[in-house]
Protein backbone atom coordinates (compact mmCIF):
# COMPACT_ATOMS: atom_id res chain seq x y z
CA MET A 1 365.33 143.92 37.45
CA THR A 2 365.84 141.46 34.97
CA ALA A 3 362.45 139.29 33.26
CA ASP A 4 363.80 136.64 35.02
CA ASP A 5 363.98 138.57 38.33
CA ASP A 6 360.25 139.44 37.68
CA GLY A 7 359.44 136.25 36.97
CA ARG A 8 361.09 134.83 40.07
CA ALA A 9 359.44 137.88 42.11
CA VAL A 10 355.54 136.99 40.10
CA GLU A 11 355.66 133.25 41.40
CA VAL A 12 357.19 134.27 44.72
CA GLU A 13 353.91 136.16 45.22
CA GLY A 14 351.70 133.98 43.92
CA SER A 15 352.95 131.50 46.18
CA VAL A 16 352.40 133.67 49.30
CA ALA A 17 348.71 134.71 47.87
CA ASP A 18 347.56 130.29 47.93
CA GLU A 19 349.31 130.06 50.98
CA ASP A 20 347.32 133.02 52.51
CA ARG A 21 344.14 131.55 50.82
CA ALA A 22 344.85 127.70 52.36
CA GLN A 23 345.56 130.02 55.78
CA ALA A 24 342.35 131.39 55.44
CA GLN A 25 340.96 127.99 54.57
CA SER A 26 342.23 126.29 57.17
CA ARG A 27 341.11 129.07 60.01
CA THR A 28 337.58 128.93 58.76
CA ALA A 29 337.34 125.14 58.78
CA LEU A 30 338.70 125.32 62.36
CA ARG A 31 336.11 127.77 63.50
CA ARG A 32 333.50 125.61 62.26
CA VAL A 33 334.42 122.70 63.85
CA THR A 34 334.94 124.43 67.01
CA ARG A 35 331.50 125.76 66.36
CA ALA A 36 329.89 122.41 65.92
CA ARG A 37 331.64 121.38 69.03
CA GLN A 38 330.40 123.74 71.36
CA ARG A 39 326.83 123.25 69.48
CA ARG A 40 327.45 119.21 70.81
CA ARG A 41 328.34 120.22 73.72
CA TRP A 42 325.69 122.52 74.44
CA ALA A 43 323.22 119.76 73.42
CA VAL A 44 324.39 116.87 75.36
CA GLU A 45 323.87 119.30 78.41
CA GLY A 46 320.94 120.35 77.68
CA VAL A 47 319.63 117.18 77.19
CA ALA A 48 321.50 116.24 80.71
CA VAL A 49 319.75 118.96 82.04
CA LEU A 50 316.23 117.65 81.45
CA VAL A 51 316.92 114.60 82.15
CA CYS A 52 317.72 116.11 85.66
CA LEU A 53 314.73 117.96 85.54
CA VAL A 54 312.38 114.98 85.28
CA VAL A 55 314.14 112.76 87.72
CA LEU A 56 313.73 115.77 90.05
CA ILE A 57 309.71 116.08 89.51
CA SER A 58 309.61 112.42 89.40
CA TYR A 59 310.98 112.18 93.05
CA LEU A 60 308.96 115.00 94.08
CA ALA A 61 305.63 113.62 92.86
CA SER A 62 306.42 110.03 94.66
CA ARG A 63 306.78 111.92 97.65
CA SER A 64 303.82 114.08 97.60
CA ASP A 65 301.77 110.42 96.90
CA SER A 66 303.40 108.44 99.76
CA LYS A 67 301.27 108.28 103.00
CA PRO A 68 302.67 109.31 106.59
CA GLY A 69 305.06 106.50 107.83
CA ASP A 70 305.60 104.97 104.39
CA ASP A 71 309.83 106.30 105.36
CA ARG A 72 310.08 104.36 108.21
CA ALA A 73 310.22 100.54 108.55
CA GLY A 74 311.64 100.24 105.17
CA GLY A 75 308.67 101.67 103.22
CA SER A 76 306.21 99.80 104.48
CA GLY A 77 303.84 101.99 106.07
CA ASP A 78 303.09 100.75 109.70
CA VAL A 79 303.83 97.59 108.90
CA PRO A 80 307.79 96.86 110.49
CA ALA A 81 310.44 96.24 108.93
CA GLY A 82 310.78 92.37 107.71
CA ALA A 83 306.99 92.15 107.90
CA ALA A 84 305.42 90.82 104.60
CA ARG A 85 301.45 92.21 103.73
CA PRO A 86 299.26 90.00 103.43
CA THR A 87 298.17 88.32 100.40
CA GLY A 88 294.80 87.83 98.73
CA HIS A 89 291.91 88.48 96.87
CA PRO A 90 290.85 91.79 97.40
CA ALA A 91 287.65 90.19 99.57
CA THR A 92 290.35 88.70 101.51
CA ASP A 93 293.14 91.10 102.42
CA GLY A 94 290.81 94.22 102.72
CA ARG A 95 291.04 95.98 99.11
CA THR A 96 287.78 96.16 96.82
CA GLY A 97 288.82 98.59 94.76
CA GLU A 98 290.83 96.53 91.95
CA ALA A 99 290.14 93.47 90.71
CA GLY A 100 292.11 90.85 92.44
CA PRO A 101 294.29 88.46 90.17
CA ALA A 102 293.23 86.05 87.85
CA MET A 103 292.07 82.22 89.03
CA PRO A 104 291.63 79.44 87.04
CA GLY A 105 288.72 79.41 84.71
CA LEU A 106 288.04 82.93 85.22
CA ARG A 107 287.71 85.80 82.07
CA PRO A 108 289.92 88.49 82.76
CA ARG A 109 289.23 91.54 85.13
CA GLN A 110 286.66 88.81 86.27
CA ARG A 111 286.44 88.61 89.82
CA PRO A 112 286.29 86.03 91.88
CA PRO A 113 283.31 85.01 93.92
CA SER A 114 283.21 86.44 97.77
CA PRO A 115 283.61 84.21 100.62
CA ASP A 116 280.58 83.50 102.49
CA PRO A 117 280.70 85.56 105.93
CA THR A 118 282.39 83.00 108.79
CA PRO A 119 279.36 83.14 111.44
CA SER A 120 280.03 84.43 114.93
CA ALA A 121 280.95 81.98 117.68
CA SER A 122 279.95 83.77 120.00
CA ALA A 123 276.30 83.57 118.90
CA PRO A 124 275.62 79.81 118.02
CA VAL A 125 272.19 79.18 116.61
CA ALA A 126 270.54 76.34 119.08
CA SER A 127 268.55 73.70 116.88
CA PRO A 128 265.19 74.16 116.81
CA THR A 129 265.13 70.09 117.47
CA ALA A 130 266.66 70.41 120.34
CA PRO A 131 264.85 69.47 123.66
CA ALA A 132 264.86 72.47 126.41
CA SER A 133 267.10 71.61 129.21
CA PRO A 134 265.50 71.42 132.61
CA ARG A 135 265.49 73.69 135.29
CA PRO A 136 268.15 73.19 138.11
CA PRO A 137 266.59 72.28 141.60
CA VAL A 138 266.20 75.61 143.21
CA LEU A 139 265.19 75.62 147.18
CA SER A 140 265.38 78.39 149.50
CA VAL A 141 264.13 78.97 153.50
CA THR A 142 263.50 81.86 155.23
CA ARG A 143 261.59 83.21 158.50
CA GLY A 144 259.48 85.55 158.94
CA GLU A 145 257.15 87.53 161.33
CA MET A 146 253.85 85.82 161.29
CA PRO A 147 250.49 88.30 160.30
CA ALA A 148 248.03 88.48 162.82
CA GLU A 149 245.78 86.91 160.69
CA VAL A 150 246.09 84.97 157.29
CA ASP A 151 243.51 84.46 154.71
CA LEU A 152 244.71 80.78 153.30
CA THR A 153 242.07 81.19 150.22
CA ALA A 154 244.38 84.27 149.33
CA VAL A 155 247.74 83.30 149.88
CA GLY A 156 246.99 79.32 148.82
CA THR A 157 245.92 79.91 145.43
CA ARG A 158 247.44 76.30 144.19
CA ASP A 159 246.57 74.28 147.23
CA TRP A 160 246.39 74.92 151.27
CA MET A 161 245.76 73.10 154.84
CA HIS A 162 244.90 73.63 158.26
CA TRP A 163 245.42 71.28 161.51
CA GLY A 164 243.49 71.20 164.86
CA GLU A 165 240.22 72.50 164.29
CA ARG A 166 238.62 69.60 166.05
CA GLY A 167 241.32 68.30 167.86
CA GLY A 168 244.86 66.45 167.27
CA ARG A 169 243.73 64.26 164.63
CA SER A 170 241.53 66.95 162.35
CA THR A 171 242.46 68.68 159.11
CA VAL A 172 240.82 70.64 156.90
CA ARG A 173 241.96 71.17 152.77
CA LYS A 174 241.31 73.48 150.08
CA ARG A 175 238.49 72.58 148.05
CA SER A 176 239.26 71.89 144.55
CA GLY A 177 242.83 72.59 145.46
CA SER A 178 245.63 70.77 143.27
CA GLY A 179 246.73 68.09 146.59
CA GLU A 180 250.45 69.18 146.38
CA ILE A 181 250.28 68.76 150.28
CA VAL A 182 250.81 65.68 151.84
CA ASP A 183 250.78 65.10 155.58
CA GLY A 184 253.48 62.25 156.41
CA GLY A 185 252.98 62.56 159.87
CA GLY A 186 256.25 62.37 162.11
CA ALA A 187 257.33 61.10 165.77
CA GLY A 188 255.41 62.23 168.56
CA ILE A 189 251.90 62.24 169.76
CA ARG A 190 249.56 65.45 168.38
CA VAL A 191 247.57 67.59 170.84
CA GLY A 192 244.82 70.52 169.40
CA TRP A 193 245.49 73.28 170.58
CA ASP A 194 243.50 76.60 170.22
CA GLY A 195 245.13 79.10 172.00
CA ASN A 196 247.94 80.60 169.33
CA GLN A 197 248.55 84.11 169.35
CA GLU A 198 247.79 84.37 165.52
CA SER A 199 244.54 83.57 163.25
CA VAL A 200 243.83 82.39 159.88
CA ARG A 201 240.51 82.17 158.19
CA TRP A 202 239.68 80.90 154.69
CA SER A 203 236.19 80.73 152.36
CA ASP A 204 237.07 78.24 150.00
CA GLY A 205 237.65 74.79 152.66
CA SER A 206 236.16 71.63 152.02
CA SER A 207 232.68 70.37 152.42
CA ASP A 208 232.95 69.85 156.22
CA GLN A 209 234.46 73.26 157.08
CA ARG A 210 233.63 75.54 154.24
CA THR A 211 234.66 78.75 156.07
CA ALA A 212 236.40 80.23 158.89
CA ARG A 213 236.82 83.74 160.85
CA GLY A 214 239.82 83.96 162.91
CA SER A 215 240.78 80.72 163.66
CA SER A 216 243.12 80.14 166.41
CA ASN A 217 243.37 76.49 166.20
CA GLY A 218 246.37 74.22 165.92
CA VAL A 219 248.38 71.26 166.69
CA TYR A 220 251.64 70.49 168.58
CA THR A 221 253.76 67.76 169.65
CA CYS A 222 256.25 68.11 172.95
CA GLY A 223 259.92 66.57 173.38
CA ALA A 224 263.37 66.75 171.27
CA GLY A 225 263.41 64.65 168.44
CA ASN A 226 259.51 65.21 168.01
CA GLY A 227 257.70 67.01 165.16
CA PHE A 228 255.69 66.94 161.88
CA THR A 229 256.58 65.34 158.39
CA LEU A 230 255.44 66.94 155.19
CA ALA A 231 255.98 67.03 151.39
CA ILE A 232 254.96 69.20 148.49
CA THR A 233 254.97 67.60 145.24
CA GLY A 234 256.87 68.82 142.71
CA SER A 235 255.91 69.79 139.11
CA GLY A 236 259.23 71.26 137.65
CA GLU A 237 257.74 74.69 138.32
CA PRO A 238 258.85 77.34 140.66
CA ARG A 239 256.22 76.97 144.17
CA THR A 240 256.22 79.27 146.69
CA VAL A 241 255.24 77.74 150.64
CA GLN A 242 254.49 79.14 153.12
CA LEU A 243 254.39 77.25 156.88
CA TYR A 244 252.62 78.88 159.76
CA GLY A 245 254.26 77.03 162.84
CA GLY A 246 254.76 78.38 166.60
CA ILE A 247 257.49 77.06 169.81
CA TRP A 248 256.98 76.88 173.38
CA MET A 249 259.89 76.92 175.55
CA ALA A 250 262.15 75.35 172.69
CA ARG A 251 263.68 75.53 169.55
CA GLY A 252 262.20 74.16 166.47
CA ARG A 253 264.16 73.87 163.71
CA LEU A 254 262.24 73.59 159.91
CA GLU A 255 264.43 71.63 157.22
CA ALA A 256 263.97 71.60 153.63
CA ARG A 257 265.02 69.26 150.87
CA LEU A 258 264.45 67.33 147.56
CA SER A 259 263.79 63.95 147.56
CA THR A 260 265.86 63.15 144.36
CA GLY A 261 268.72 64.69 147.22
CA GLY A 262 270.69 67.81 146.35
CA PRO A 263 270.72 71.04 147.64
CA SER A 264 268.60 71.89 151.51
CA SER A 265 268.09 74.94 153.52
CA ALA A 266 267.21 75.06 156.76
CA ALA A 267 265.87 78.08 159.87
CA VAL A 268 265.57 77.85 163.12
CA LEU A 269 263.07 79.32 165.85
CA GLU A 270 263.73 79.65 169.89
CA ASP A 271 262.39 81.15 172.50
CA PRO A 272 263.24 79.52 175.86
CA TYR A 273 260.76 81.64 178.22
CA THR A 274 257.60 81.60 176.42
CA SER A 275 256.05 80.85 172.92
CA GLN A 276 256.39 82.40 169.73
CA SER A 277 255.12 82.10 166.14
CA ALA A 278 256.90 82.85 162.93
CA GLN A 279 255.93 82.68 159.06
CA PHE A 280 258.26 80.44 156.97
CA THR A 281 258.79 80.97 152.91
CA ILE A 282 260.23 77.99 151.28
CA ARG A 283 260.60 78.89 147.49
CA SER A 284 261.38 75.77 145.47
CA THR A 285 261.06 74.37 141.63
CA VAL A 286 260.99 70.46 142.17
CA PRO A 287 261.22 68.16 139.45
CA LYS A 288 258.20 66.87 137.80
CA GLY A 289 257.65 63.35 139.82
CA ALA A 290 259.78 64.58 143.06
CA ARG A 291 259.28 66.18 146.03
CA LEU A 292 260.28 68.43 148.40
CA LEU A 293 260.41 67.57 152.09
CA LEU A 294 259.75 69.55 154.75
CA THR A 295 260.31 68.70 158.67
CA TRP A 296 259.08 70.86 161.56
CA THR A 297 260.86 69.50 164.88
CA VAL A 298 261.89 69.74 168.16
CA GLU A 299 265.37 70.38 168.34
CA LYS A 300 266.18 71.22 172.04
CA VAL A 301 263.87 71.98 174.64
CA PHE A 302 264.01 74.31 177.80
CA THR A 303 261.75 73.19 180.06
CA PRO A 304 260.60 69.33 181.23
CA ARG A 305 257.06 70.44 181.20
CA CYS A 306 256.30 69.91 177.44
CA GLY A 307 258.44 71.82 175.38
CA ASN A 308 257.18 71.85 171.64
CA VAL A 309 256.58 73.02 168.01
CA GLY A 310 253.30 73.78 166.89
CA LEU A 311 251.75 73.85 163.49
CA GLN A 312 248.65 75.53 162.41
CA ALA A 313 248.54 75.57 158.23
CA VAL A 314 250.79 75.51 154.83
CA ALA A 315 249.81 76.82 151.59
CA VAL A 316 251.15 76.49 148.28
CA ARG A 317 250.85 78.81 145.44
């Protein structure tokens, strides 16, 4: 091999060596680029995984805080879909644990004043100056058996009156009584009678007859349409009136009414064959200035021999 050949061989070998070094450097750079790309991909994937974990944790936390029924009707709890929740301040929409929205003129976090409670419509307060309404008229008549003996002093605590002690025109009144009983007369002729089946007594009579024991006296009047008319002066307070009367072979009718009109009540006592007595109880509330009117009359007779109604006494308490 000549010198020129040796030089060219050395040059060729040098070129090959340079090319090998260049290729080695290229492969090294390529590996670096590949590792850098791999690290960036790992970083992106790690960030994506972290974001997914954060989203998942947030979702699970929101599910655990939701109330039962929040997934129904559009996520509004028990409120139907499309229905708006009430708005307003805590004092008016049921929320009291947080500050309400700001109002003009209020500093931040300052609550608006609570509204005054609405008064109940079911319990109105009556005006202290309103006058008490008057009691409505009350009237009832009932019939019962007359006791064998009646103590007029005991049952007539306010007033009492007795008829027939000394004939058809004779009367005895309660001493220092209220004077509420008024004898208004009546159609027919009054006749004294001393044979009543039941008797009366008293210990507080007027001056001409202070006391009596076992008096069977009374008065009667014969014929259909005839009888007795009485009145009790009203005071606006509840009153109980006892009328002691009887019939003989007749039908008697006791009717009670008010002088001012309004309600009325009646009771009947009848015996076609013999005599019978009764105690009539009249309960009433008569306005002051008005009167309770009583009529005790023969409604029907069962004999031409003086079918009649009789009267012994009237007591008020």
